[in-house]
């Protein structure tokens, strides 16, 4: 298993923590926050991300705390790998409405789930 990286965590956390990934992202963010609390990791860093979810430095500090946990705990690393895999699917899939009511110029493509 490849190591969990801070960069991968940070890139995934930002859209989830800011709410840009909708309700599924909010649920994934809550699961990660609960995981961190359960492992007593990143408390102050998590609070800082909650206060300013788009701040790259705060997100990086939280991701670093989680990466340090993964480096020393194989079970935590496995959980974070699963979480990243699930969260990446949420982040990569655009949350588009079923209908468009405003004028559109150009083409509109709805991705297939």
N, C-alpha and C. Protein backbone atom coordinates (compact mmCIF):
# COMPACT_ATOMS: atom_id res chain seq x y z
N UNK A 1 0.85 -1.18 0.00
CA UNK A 1 0.00 0.00 0.00
C UNK A 1 0.90 1.24 0.00
N UNK A 2 0.57 2.16 -0.87
CA UNK A 2 1.32 3.41 -0.93
C UNK A 2 1.03 4.24 0.32
N UNK A 3 2.00 5.06 0.73
CA UNK A 3 1.74 5.90 1.90
C UNK A 3 0.67 6.95 1.60
N UNK A 4 -0.05 7.32 2.63
CA UNK A 4 -1.01 8.42 2.54
C UNK A 4 -0.19 9.70 2.50
N UNK A 5 -0.50 10.59 1.56
CA UNK A 5 0.27 11.83 1.46
C UNK A 5 -0.55 13.03 1.90
N UNK A 6 0.15 13.99 2.45
CA UNK A 6 -0.51 15.24 2.85
C UNK A 6 -1.13 15.93 1.65
N UNK A 7 -0.44 15.88 0.51
CA UNK A 7 -0.96 16.55 -0.69
C UNK A 7 -2.29 15.96 -1.12
N UNK A 8 -2.39 14.62 -1.11
CA UNK A 8 -3.64 13.98 -1.51
C UNK A 8 -4.76 14.33 -0.54
N UNK A 9 -4.44 14.30 0.75
CA UNK A 9 -5.46 14.65 1.75
C UNK A 9 -5.90 16.10 1.59
N UNK A 10 -4.94 17.00 1.47
CA UNK A 10 -5.28 18.42 1.37
C UNK A 10 -6.12 18.71 0.13
N UNK A 11 -5.76 18.11 -1.00
CA UNK A 11 -6.52 18.35 -2.23
C UNK A 11 -7.95 17.85 -2.12
N UNK A 12 -8.16 16.82 -1.34
CA UNK A 12 -9.50 16.26 -1.17
C UNK A 12 -10.28 17.01 -0.10
N UNK A 13 -9.59 17.46 0.94
CA UNK A 13 -10.27 18.12 2.07
C UNK A 13 -10.89 19.45 1.67
N UNK A 14 -10.21 20.25 0.86
CA UNK A 14 -10.71 21.61 0.57
C UNK A 14 -12.13 21.61 0.03
N UNK A 15 -12.46 20.87 -1.04
CA UNK A 15 -13.84 20.94 -1.53
C UNK A 15 -14.85 20.35 -0.55
N UNK A 16 -14.41 19.41 0.29
CA UNK A 16 -15.33 18.83 1.27
C UNK A 16 -15.58 19.81 2.40
N UNK A 17 -14.51 20.39 2.93
CA UNK A 17 -14.64 21.29 4.08
C UNK A 17 -15.35 22.59 3.72
N UNK A 18 -15.21 23.04 2.47
CA UNK A 18 -15.85 24.29 2.07
C UNK A 18 -17.31 24.11 1.67
N UNK A 19 -17.74 22.85 1.56
CA UNK A 19 -19.12 22.59 1.16
C UNK A 19 -19.32 22.55 -0.34
N UNK A 20 -18.23 22.67 -1.10
CA UNK A 20 -18.34 22.69 -2.56
C UNK A 20 -18.79 21.36 -3.14
N UNK A 21 -18.67 20.28 -2.36
CA UNK A 21 -19.05 18.96 -2.86
C UNK A 21 -20.45 18.55 -2.42
N UNK A 22 -21.22 19.49 -1.92
CA UNK A 22 -22.61 19.21 -1.56
C UNK A 22 -22.76 18.30 -0.35
N UNK A 23 -23.94 17.72 -0.23
CA UNK A 23 -24.25 16.87 0.93
C UNK A 23 -23.33 15.66 1.05
N UNK A 24 -22.99 14.97 -0.06
CA UNK A 24 -22.07 13.85 0.07
C UNK A 24 -20.70 14.30 0.61
N UNK A 25 -20.26 15.46 0.18
CA UNK A 25 -18.99 15.99 0.67
C UNK A 25 -19.05 16.34 2.14
N UNK A 26 -20.17 16.88 2.57
CA UNK A 26 -20.35 17.20 3.99
C UNK A 26 -20.29 15.93 4.83
N UNK A 27 -20.90 14.86 4.34
CA UNK A 27 -20.87 13.59 5.06
C UNK A 27 -19.45 13.03 5.12
N UNK A 28 -18.71 13.12 4.01
CA UNK A 28 -17.33 12.63 3.99
C UNK A 28 -16.45 13.45 4.93
N UNK A 29 -16.67 14.77 4.94
CA UNK A 29 -15.92 15.65 5.84
C UNK A 29 -16.22 15.29 7.29
N UNK A 30 -17.47 15.05 7.62
CA UNK A 30 -17.85 14.68 8.99
C UNK A 30 -17.20 13.36 9.39
N UNK A 31 -17.13 12.41 8.46
CA UNK A 31 -16.50 11.12 8.76
C UNK A 31 -15.01 11.30 9.05
N UNK A 32 -14.34 12.16 8.29
CA UNK A 32 -12.92 12.40 8.52
C UNK A 32 -12.70 13.12 9.85
N UNK A 33 -13.54 14.09 10.15
CA UNK A 33 -13.42 14.80 11.42
C UNK A 33 -13.64 13.86 12.60
N UNK A 34 -14.62 12.96 12.47
CA UNK A 34 -14.88 11.97 13.53
C UNK A 34 -13.69 11.02 13.68
N UNK A 35 -13.12 10.59 12.57
CA UNK A 35 -11.94 9.73 12.59
C UNK A 35 -10.79 10.43 13.33
N UNK A 36 -10.54 11.69 13.00
CA UNK A 36 -9.46 12.44 13.64
C UNK A 36 -9.71 12.57 15.14
N UNK A 37 -10.95 12.86 15.52
CA UNK A 37 -11.27 12.99 16.94
C UNK A 37 -11.11 11.65 17.67
N UNK A 38 -11.53 10.58 17.03
CA UNK A 38 -11.43 9.25 17.63
C UNK A 38 -9.97 8.87 17.89
N UNK A 39 -9.08 9.34 17.02
CA UNK A 39 -7.66 9.04 17.16
C UNK A 39 -6.91 10.16 17.87
N UNK A 40 -7.63 11.14 18.38
CA UNK A 40 -7.05 12.27 19.10
C UNK A 40 -5.92 12.92 18.29
N UNK A 41 -6.23 13.19 17.03
CA UNK A 41 -5.24 13.75 16.11
C UNK A 41 -5.79 15.02 15.49
N UNK A 42 -4.96 16.03 15.41
CA UNK A 42 -5.30 17.22 14.66
C UNK A 42 -6.42 18.06 15.22
N UNK A 43 -6.66 18.00 16.52
CA UNK A 43 -7.75 18.79 17.11
C UNK A 43 -7.65 20.27 16.79
N UNK A 44 -6.54 20.92 17.16
CA UNK A 44 -6.42 22.35 16.85
C UNK A 44 -6.41 22.63 15.35
N UNK A 45 -5.77 21.73 14.60
CA UNK A 45 -5.71 21.91 13.14
C UNK A 45 -7.10 21.76 12.52
N UNK A 46 -7.87 20.79 13.02
CA UNK A 46 -9.23 20.59 12.53
C UNK A 46 -10.09 21.82 12.84
N UNK A 47 -9.96 22.34 14.06
CA UNK A 47 -10.70 23.56 14.42
C UNK A 47 -10.33 24.72 13.50
N UNK A 48 -9.04 24.82 13.17
CA UNK A 48 -8.59 25.89 12.28
C UNK A 48 -9.19 25.74 10.88
N UNK A 49 -9.29 24.50 10.39
CA UNK A 49 -9.91 24.27 9.08
C UNK A 49 -11.39 24.60 9.13
N UNK A 50 -12.05 24.23 10.22
CA UNK A 50 -13.47 24.57 10.36
C UNK A 50 -13.68 26.08 10.33
N UNK A 51 -12.74 26.83 10.91
CA UNK A 51 -12.85 28.30 10.94
C UNK A 51 -12.58 28.92 9.57
N UNK A 52 -11.68 28.33 8.80
CA UNK A 52 -11.32 28.87 7.48
C UNK A 52 -11.01 27.71 6.53
N UNK A 53 -12.07 27.03 6.03
CA UNK A 53 -11.86 25.81 5.25
C UNK A 53 -11.12 25.98 3.93
N UNK A 54 -11.05 27.17 3.42
CA UNK A 54 -10.34 27.39 2.17
C UNK A 54 -8.89 27.82 2.35
N UNK A 55 -8.42 27.91 3.58
CA UNK A 55 -7.06 28.36 3.86
C UNK A 55 -6.08 27.21 3.64
N UNK A 56 -5.23 27.30 2.61
CA UNK A 56 -4.33 26.19 2.29
C UNK A 56 -3.38 25.82 3.44
N UNK A 57 -2.91 26.80 4.19
CA UNK A 57 -1.98 26.50 5.29
C UNK A 57 -2.68 25.71 6.39
N UNK A 58 -3.92 26.07 6.69
CA UNK A 58 -4.66 25.35 7.73
C UNK A 58 -4.99 23.93 7.28
N UNK A 59 -5.40 23.80 6.03
CA UNK A 59 -5.71 22.46 5.49
C UNK A 59 -4.44 21.61 5.47
N UNK A 60 -3.32 22.19 5.08
CA UNK A 60 -2.05 21.45 5.03
C UNK A 60 -1.64 20.98 6.42
N UNK A 61 -1.83 21.81 7.44
CA UNK A 61 -1.47 21.41 8.81
C UNK A 61 -2.33 20.23 9.27
N UNK A 62 -3.63 20.27 8.96
CA UNK A 62 -4.51 19.15 9.31
C UNK A 62 -4.10 17.89 8.55
N UNK A 63 -3.82 18.04 7.26
CA UNK A 63 -3.39 16.89 6.45
C UNK A 63 -2.08 16.31 6.97
N UNK A 64 -1.17 17.18 7.40
CA UNK A 64 0.10 16.70 7.96
C UNK A 64 -0.13 15.89 9.23
N UNK A 65 -1.05 16.33 10.08
CA UNK A 65 -1.36 15.59 11.32
C UNK A 65 -1.92 14.21 10.99
N UNK A 66 -2.80 14.14 10.00
CA UNK A 66 -3.36 12.85 9.60
C UNK A 66 -2.30 11.95 8.96
N UNK A 67 -1.42 12.54 8.17
CA UNK A 67 -0.35 11.76 7.54
C UNK A 67 0.59 11.19 8.59
N UNK A 68 0.90 11.96 9.61
CA UNK A 68 1.76 11.47 10.69
C UNK A 68 1.10 10.28 11.39
N UNK A 69 -0.21 10.35 11.60
CA UNK A 69 -0.93 9.22 12.19
C UNK A 69 -0.83 8.00 11.28
N UNK A 70 -1.06 8.19 10.00
CA UNK A 70 -1.00 7.08 9.04
C UNK A 70 0.39 6.45 9.00
N UNK A 71 1.42 7.27 9.16
CA UNK A 71 2.80 6.76 9.13
C UNK A 71 3.09 5.83 10.31
N UNK A 72 2.43 6.06 11.44
CA UNK A 72 2.73 5.25 12.63
C UNK A 72 1.67 4.19 12.94
N UNK A 73 0.53 4.24 12.24
CA UNK A 73 -0.56 3.31 12.54
C UNK A 73 -1.11 2.71 11.24
N UNK A 74 -0.76 1.46 10.94
CA UNK A 74 -1.21 0.84 9.69
C UNK A 74 -2.73 0.77 9.55
N UNK A 75 -3.45 0.57 10.65
CA UNK A 75 -4.92 0.54 10.57
C UNK A 75 -5.47 1.90 10.20
N UNK A 76 -4.90 2.95 10.76
CA UNK A 76 -5.32 4.31 10.41
C UNK A 76 -5.00 4.60 8.95
N UNK A 77 -3.84 4.14 8.50
CA UNK A 77 -3.46 4.34 7.10
C UNK A 77 -4.46 3.65 6.17
N UNK A 78 -4.86 2.43 6.53
CA UNK A 78 -5.83 1.70 5.70
C UNK A 78 -7.17 2.44 5.67
N UNK A 79 -7.61 2.95 6.82
CA UNK A 79 -8.88 3.69 6.87
C UNK A 79 -8.78 4.94 5.99
N UNK A 80 -7.67 5.66 6.11
CA UNK A 80 -7.50 6.88 5.31
C UNK A 80 -7.45 6.57 3.82
N UNK A 81 -6.84 5.46 3.43
CA UNK A 81 -6.85 5.06 2.02
C UNK A 81 -8.28 4.82 1.54
N UNK A 82 -9.06 4.10 2.34
CA UNK A 82 -10.47 3.86 1.95
C UNK A 82 -11.23 5.18 1.87
N UNK A 83 -11.02 6.03 2.87
CA UNK A 83 -11.71 7.32 2.90
C UNK A 83 -11.34 8.14 1.67
N UNK A 84 -10.05 8.21 1.35
CA UNK A 84 -9.61 8.97 0.18
C UNK A 84 -10.23 8.43 -1.10
N UNK A 85 -10.29 7.12 -1.22
CA UNK A 85 -10.89 6.51 -2.41
C UNK A 85 -12.36 6.91 -2.53
N UNK A 86 -13.09 6.82 -1.44
CA UNK A 86 -14.51 7.21 -1.46
C UNK A 86 -14.67 8.71 -1.69
N UNK A 87 -13.87 9.51 -1.01
CA UNK A 87 -13.99 10.97 -1.12
C UNK A 87 -13.58 11.46 -2.50
N UNK A 88 -12.59 10.81 -3.10
CA UNK A 88 -12.18 11.21 -4.45
C UNK A 88 -13.32 11.06 -5.45
N UNK A 89 -14.13 10.04 -5.27
CA UNK A 89 -15.29 9.87 -6.17
C UNK A 89 -16.29 11.02 -5.98
N UNK A 90 -16.43 11.49 -4.76
CA UNK A 90 -17.34 12.61 -4.50
C UNK A 90 -16.79 13.89 -5.10
N UNK A 91 -15.52 14.13 -4.91
CA UNK A 91 -14.89 15.37 -5.38
C UNK A 91 -14.80 15.40 -6.90
N UNK A 92 -14.53 14.27 -7.54
CA UNK A 92 -14.34 14.23 -8.98
C UNK A 92 -15.64 14.30 -9.77
N UNK A 93 -16.76 13.99 -9.16
CA UNK A 93 -18.03 13.99 -9.86
C UNK A 93 -18.69 15.35 -9.68
N UNK A 94 -18.87 16.09 -10.76
CA UNK A 94 -19.54 17.38 -10.62
C UNK A 94 -20.98 17.20 -10.13
N UNK A 95 -21.38 18.05 -9.23
CA UNK A 95 -22.75 18.00 -8.71
C UNK A 95 -23.58 18.99 -9.52
N UNK A 96 -24.11 18.48 -10.62
CA UNK A 96 -24.87 19.31 -11.53
C UNK A 96 -26.35 19.15 -11.30
N UNK A 97 -27.09 20.23 -11.47
CA UNK A 97 -28.54 20.12 -11.33
C UNK A 97 -29.13 19.30 -12.48
N UNK A 98 -30.32 18.78 -12.27
CA UNK A 98 -31.00 18.00 -13.30
C UNK A 98 -31.50 18.88 -14.44
N UNK A 99 -31.78 20.13 -14.15
CA UNK A 99 -32.30 21.03 -15.18
C UNK A 99 -31.49 22.33 -15.18
N UNK A 100 -31.49 22.97 -16.33
CA UNK A 100 -30.84 24.26 -16.47
C UNK A 100 -31.93 25.25 -16.84
N UNK A 101 -32.07 26.31 -16.06
CA UNK A 101 -33.14 27.27 -16.31
C UNK A 101 -32.64 28.57 -16.93
N UNK A 102 -31.35 28.82 -16.84
CA UNK A 102 -30.79 30.04 -17.40
C UNK A 102 -30.28 29.78 -18.82
N UNK A 103 -30.11 30.84 -19.60
CA UNK A 103 -29.56 30.66 -20.95
C UNK A 103 -28.18 30.01 -20.89
N UNK A 104 -27.91 29.15 -21.85
CA UNK A 104 -26.62 28.45 -21.93
C UNK A 104 -26.04 28.71 -23.30
N UNK A 105 -24.76 29.08 -23.34
CA UNK A 105 -24.09 29.18 -24.63
C UNK A 105 -23.02 28.10 -24.67
N UNK A 106 -22.86 27.48 -25.80
CA UNK A 106 -21.92 26.37 -25.90
C UNK A 106 -22.63 25.07 -25.59
N UNK A 107 -21.86 24.04 -25.38
CA UNK A 107 -22.47 22.74 -25.13
C UNK A 107 -22.51 22.44 -23.64
N UNK A 108 -23.49 21.66 -23.26
CA UNK A 108 -23.64 21.22 -21.87
C UNK A 108 -23.66 19.71 -21.89
N UNK A 109 -22.80 19.11 -21.11
CA UNK A 109 -22.74 17.66 -21.03
C UNK A 109 -22.93 17.24 -19.59
N UNK A 110 -23.83 16.34 -19.37
CA UNK A 110 -24.05 15.82 -18.02
C UNK A 110 -23.30 14.50 -17.92
N UNK A 111 -22.35 14.40 -16.97
CA UNK A 111 -21.62 13.14 -16.83
C UNK A 111 -22.54 12.01 -16.40
N UNK A 112 -22.24 10.82 -16.86
CA UNK A 112 -23.02 9.65 -16.48
C UNK A 112 -22.45 9.07 -15.20
N UNK A 113 -23.31 8.71 -14.29
CA UNK A 113 -22.86 8.14 -13.01
C UNK A 113 -22.54 6.69 -13.15
